[in-house]
Amino acid sequence: MGPTKAVVKQQALYDAVSGKLIQGGFSSYRALAEYVKQHYIVLPVHDNAGKPWQLDGKPIYCLHGVQYETVDDRRVHLTRCPDCGGMGVRTEEFTVESDCIRCAGCGRECDARLEMMET
């Protein structure tokens, strides 16, 4: 059982699965973020421009820093684009030597294993 996956609508938090109101009336995003930290809630991942990541129309959530999941708890292999912060998706051609990732936002292609080794 992981954290509650939520979405933000008009200064209020709603459960992403059921749509029920969790808490409303936040005066600022900072107040909302503090509430999320204190109540075991996770919000969808956003790129550097503030656009939420979506896969098949569903928001993506980041758990434990590098593990990404959909609303229905399906794990997906994604990574953050180093340029725009967008959603990097693994290309279909998977080989042992490389792990090619393409950003859905800016189109950048990179080898995730090489990126990790360089940092």
C-alpha atoms as a PDB file:
ATOM      1  CA  MET A   1       0.000   0.000   0.000  1.00  0.00           C
ATOM      2  CA  GLY A   2       1.608   3.221  -1.140  1.00  0.00           C
ATOM      3  CA  PRO A   3       0.783   6.865  -0.659  1.00  0.00           C
ATOM      4  CA  THR A   4      -2.544   8.302  -1.756  1.00  0.00           C
ATOM      5  CA  LYS A   5      -2.326   9.521  -5.349  1.00  0.00           C
ATOM      6  CA  ALA A   6      -3.974  12.900  -5.687  1.00  0.00           C
ATOM      7  CA  VAL A   7      -4.677  15.601  -8.265  1.00  0.00           C
ATOM      8  CA  VAL A   8      -5.034  19.340  -7.750  1.00  0.00           C
ATOM      9  CA  LYS A   9      -8.163  21.129  -8.974  1.00  0.00           C
ATOM     10  CA  GLN A  10      -8.979  24.743  -8.082  1.00  0.00           C
ATOM     11  CA  GLN A  11      -6.879  24.964  -4.886  1.00  0.00           C
ATOM     12  CA  ALA A  12      -8.131  21.596  -3.608  1.00  0.00           C
ATOM     13  CA  LEU A  13      -6.774  18.036  -3.442  1.00  0.00           C
ATOM     14  CA  TYR A  14      -8.819  15.181  -4.848  1.00  0.00           C
ATOM     15  CA  ASP A  15      -8.165  11.442  -4.727  1.00  0.00           C
ATOM     16  CA  ALA A  16      -6.994  10.489  -8.231  1.00  0.00           C
ATOM     17  CA  VAL A  17      -8.793   7.131  -8.189  1.00  0.00           C
ATOM     18  CA  SER A  18     -12.151   7.922  -6.595  1.00  0.00           C
ATOM     19  CA  GLY A  19     -12.356  11.664  -7.279  1.00  0.00           C
ATOM     20  CA  LYS A  20     -13.325  12.368  -3.653  1.00  0.00           C
ATOM     21  CA  LEU A  21     -12.246  15.616  -2.049  1.00  0.00           C
ATOM     22  CA  ILE A  22      -9.288  15.118   0.299  1.00  0.00           C
ATOM     23  CA  GLN A  23      -8.792  18.732   1.423  1.00  0.00           C
ATOM     24  CA  GLY A  24      -9.776  22.089  -0.013  1.00  0.00           C
ATOM     25  CA  GLY A  25      -9.293  25.800   0.483  1.00  0.00           C
ATOM     26  CA  PHE A  26      -5.517  26.045   0.183  1.00  0.00           C
ATOM     27  CA  SER A  27      -4.379  29.662   0.082  1.00  0.00           C
ATOM     28  CA  SER A  28      -1.231  28.908  -1.933  1.00  0.00           C
ATOM     29  CA  TYR A  29       0.618  26.085  -3.646  1.00  0.00           C
ATOM     30  CA  ARG A  30       3.154  26.192  -0.800  1.00  0.00           C
ATOM     31  CA  ALA A  31       0.391  25.433   1.724  1.00  0.00           C
ATOM     32  CA  LEU A  32      -0.852  22.592  -0.456  1.00  0.00           C
ATOM     33  CA  ALA A  33       2.689  21.166  -0.762  1.00  0.00           C
ATOM     34  CA  GLU A  34       3.124  21.274   3.041  1.00  0.00           C
ATOM     35  CA  TYR A  35      -0.152  19.390   3.492  1.00  0.00           C
ATOM     36  CA  VAL A  36       0.950  16.755   0.959  1.00  0.00           C
ATOM     37  CA  LYS A  37       4.280  16.220   2.769  1.00  0.00           C
ATOM     38  CA  GLN A  38       2.558  15.712   6.117  1.00  0.00           C
ATOM     39  CA  HIS A  39      -0.214  13.343   4.978  1.00  0.00           C
ATOM     40  CA  TYR A  40       1.445  10.617   2.833  1.00  0.00           C
ATOM     41  CA  ILE A  41       0.055  11.967  -0.427  1.00  0.00           C
ATOM     42  CA  VAL A  42       1.800  12.114  -3.802  1.00  0.00           C
ATOM     43  CA  LEU A  43       1.070  14.533  -6.656  1.00  0.00           C
ATOM     44  CA  PRO A  44       1.599  13.944 -10.397  1.00  0.00           C
ATOM     45  CA  VAL A  45       5.054  14.597 -11.850  1.00  0.00           C
ATOM     46  CA  HIS A  46       5.512  17.852 -13.804  1.00  0.00           C
ATOM     47  CA  ASP A  47       8.189  18.975 -16.253  1.00  0.00           C
ATOM     48  CA  ASN A  48      10.234  22.153 -15.783  1.00  0.00           C
ATOM     49  CA  ALA A  49       7.500  24.233 -17.456  1.00  0.00           C
ATOM     50  CA  GLY A  50       4.811  22.934 -15.058  1.00  0.00           C
ATOM     51  CA  LYS A  51       3.104  20.597 -17.540  1.00  0.00           C
ATOM     52  CA  PRO A  52       2.041  17.275 -15.932  1.00  0.00           C
ATOM     53  CA  TRP A  53       3.363  13.982 -17.260  1.00  0.00           C
ATOM     54  CA  GLN A  54       0.649  11.799 -18.772  1.00  0.00           C
ATOM     55  CA  LEU A  55       0.728   8.321 -20.260  1.00  0.00           C
ATOM     56  CA  ASP A  56      -2.390   7.211 -22.137  1.00  0.00           C
ATOM     57  CA  GLY A  57      -4.215  10.215 -20.663  1.00  0.00           C
ATOM     58  CA  LYS A  58      -3.427   9.221 -17.069  1.00  0.00           C
ATOM     59  CA  PRO A  59      -1.155  11.165 -14.703  1.00  0.00           C
ATOM     60  CA  ILE A  60       2.202   9.691 -13.699  1.00  0.00           C
ATOM     61  CA  TYR A  61       3.402   9.597 -10.088  1.00  0.00           C
ATOM     62  CA  CYS A  62       6.961   9.278  -8.801  1.00  0.00           C
ATOM     63  CA  LEU A  63       7.531   7.072  -5.782  1.00  0.00           C
ATOM     64  CA  HIS A  64      10.842   6.634  -3.967  1.00  0.00           C
ATOM     65  CA  GLY A  65      12.658   9.084  -6.249  1.00  0.00           C
ATOM     66  CA  VAL A  66      12.924   6.922  -9.389  1.00  0.00           C
ATOM     67  CA  GLN A  67       9.958   4.553  -9.482  1.00  0.00           C
ATOM     68  CA  TYR A  68       7.109   5.791 -11.679  1.00  0.00           C
ATOM     69  CA  GLU A  69       3.501   4.537 -11.583  1.00  0.00           C
ATOM     70  CA  THR A  70       0.159   5.268 -13.178  1.00  0.00           C
ATOM     71  CA  VAL A  71      -3.006   5.905 -11.150  1.00  0.00           C
ATOM     72  CA  ASP A  72      -3.844   2.184 -11.278  1.00  0.00           C
ATOM     73  CA  ASP A  73      -0.470   1.220  -9.665  1.00  0.00           C
ATOM     74  CA  ARG A  74       1.060  -0.008 -12.931  1.00  0.00           C
ATOM     75  CA  ARG A  75       4.828   0.510 -12.854  1.00  0.00           C
ATOM     76  CA  VAL A  76       6.233   2.158 -15.960  1.00  0.00           C
ATOM     77  CA  HIS A  77       9.855   2.566 -17.020  1.00  0.00           C
ATOM     78  CA  LEU A  78      10.269   6.323 -17.393  1.00  0.00           C
ATOM     79  CA  THR A  79      12.988   8.834 -16.642  1.00  0.00           C
ATOM     80  CA  ARG A  80      13.245  12.606 -16.383  1.00  0.00           C
ATOM     81  CA  CYS A  81      14.734  14.424 -19.395  1.00  0.00           C
ATOM     82  CA  PRO A  82      17.876  16.302 -18.343  1.00  0.00           C
ATOM     83  CA  ASP A  83      17.011  19.201 -20.695  1.00  0.00           C
ATOM     84  CA  CYS A  84      13.334  20.014 -20.156  1.00  0.00           C
ATOM     85  CA  GLY A  85      12.333  17.766 -17.240  1.00  0.00           C
ATOM     86  CA  GLY A  86       9.859  16.005 -19.523  1.00  0.00           C
ATOM     87  CA  MET A  87       8.847  12.369 -19.540  1.00  0.00           C
ATOM     88  CA  GLY A  88      11.518  10.125 -21.061  1.00  0.00           C
ATOM     89  CA  VAL A  89      10.075   6.915 -22.507  1.00  0.00           C
ATOM     90  CA  ARG A  90      12.097   3.833 -23.402  1.00  0.00           C
ATOM     91  CA  THR A  91      12.188   3.179 -27.148  1.00  0.00           C
ATOM     92  CA  GLU A  92      11.075  -0.189 -28.498  1.00  0.00           C
ATOM     93  CA  GLU A  93      14.582  -1.310 -29.455  1.00  0.00           C
ATOM     94  CA  PHE A  94      15.903  -2.613 -26.152  1.00  0.00           C
ATOM     95  CA  THR A  95      19.352  -4.139 -26.123  1.00  0.00           C
ATOM     96  CA  VAL A  96      21.659  -5.149 -23.305  1.00  0.00           C
ATOM     97  CA  GLU A  97      24.257  -2.541 -24.258  1.00  0.00           C
ATOM     98  CA  SER A  98      21.946   0.456 -24.305  1.00  0.00           C
ATOM     99  CA  ASP A  99      18.780   1.811 -22.778  1.00  0.00           C
ATOM    100  CA  CYS A 100      17.598   4.409 -25.294  1.00  0.00           C
ATOM    101  CA  ILE A 101      15.176   6.962 -23.888  1.00  0.00           C
ATOM    102  CA  ARG A 102      13.221   9.561 -25.886  1.00  0.00           C
ATOM    103  CA  CYS A 103      11.691  12.616 -24.242  1.00  0.00           C
ATOM    104  CA  ALA A 104       7.987  13.032 -25.014  1.00  0.00           C
ATOM    105  CA  GLY A 105       8.296  16.790 -24.484  1.00  0.00           C
ATOM    106  CA  CYS A 106      11.364  17.938 -26.433  1.00  0.00           C
ATOM    107  CA  GLY A 107      12.183  14.812 -28.453  1.00  0.00           C
ATOM    108  CA  ARG A 108      15.717  14.431 -27.099  1.00  0.00           C
ATOM    109  CA  GLU A 109      17.120  10.917 -27.346  1.00  0.00           C
ATOM    110  CA  CYS A 110      19.716   9.675 -24.903  1.00  0.00           C
ATOM    111  CA  ASP A 111      21.112   6.491 -23.454  1.00  0.00           C
ATOM    112  CA  ALA A 112      19.968   6.370 -19.837  1.00  0.00           C
ATOM    113  CA  ARG A 113      22.810   4.061 -18.785  1.00  0.00           C
ATOM    114  CA  LEU A 114      25.429   6.399 -20.229  1.00  0.00           C
ATOM    115  CA  GLU A 115      23.746   9.392 -18.562  1.00  0.00           C
ATOM    116  CA  MET A 116      23.924   7.634 -15.178  1.00  0.00           C
ATOM    117  CA  MET A 117      27.578   6.678 -15.660  1.00  0.00           C
ATOM    118  CA  GLU A 118      28.506  10.285 -16.569  1.00  0.00           C
ATOM    119  CA  THR A 119      26.872  11.705 -13.447  1.00  0.00           C
END
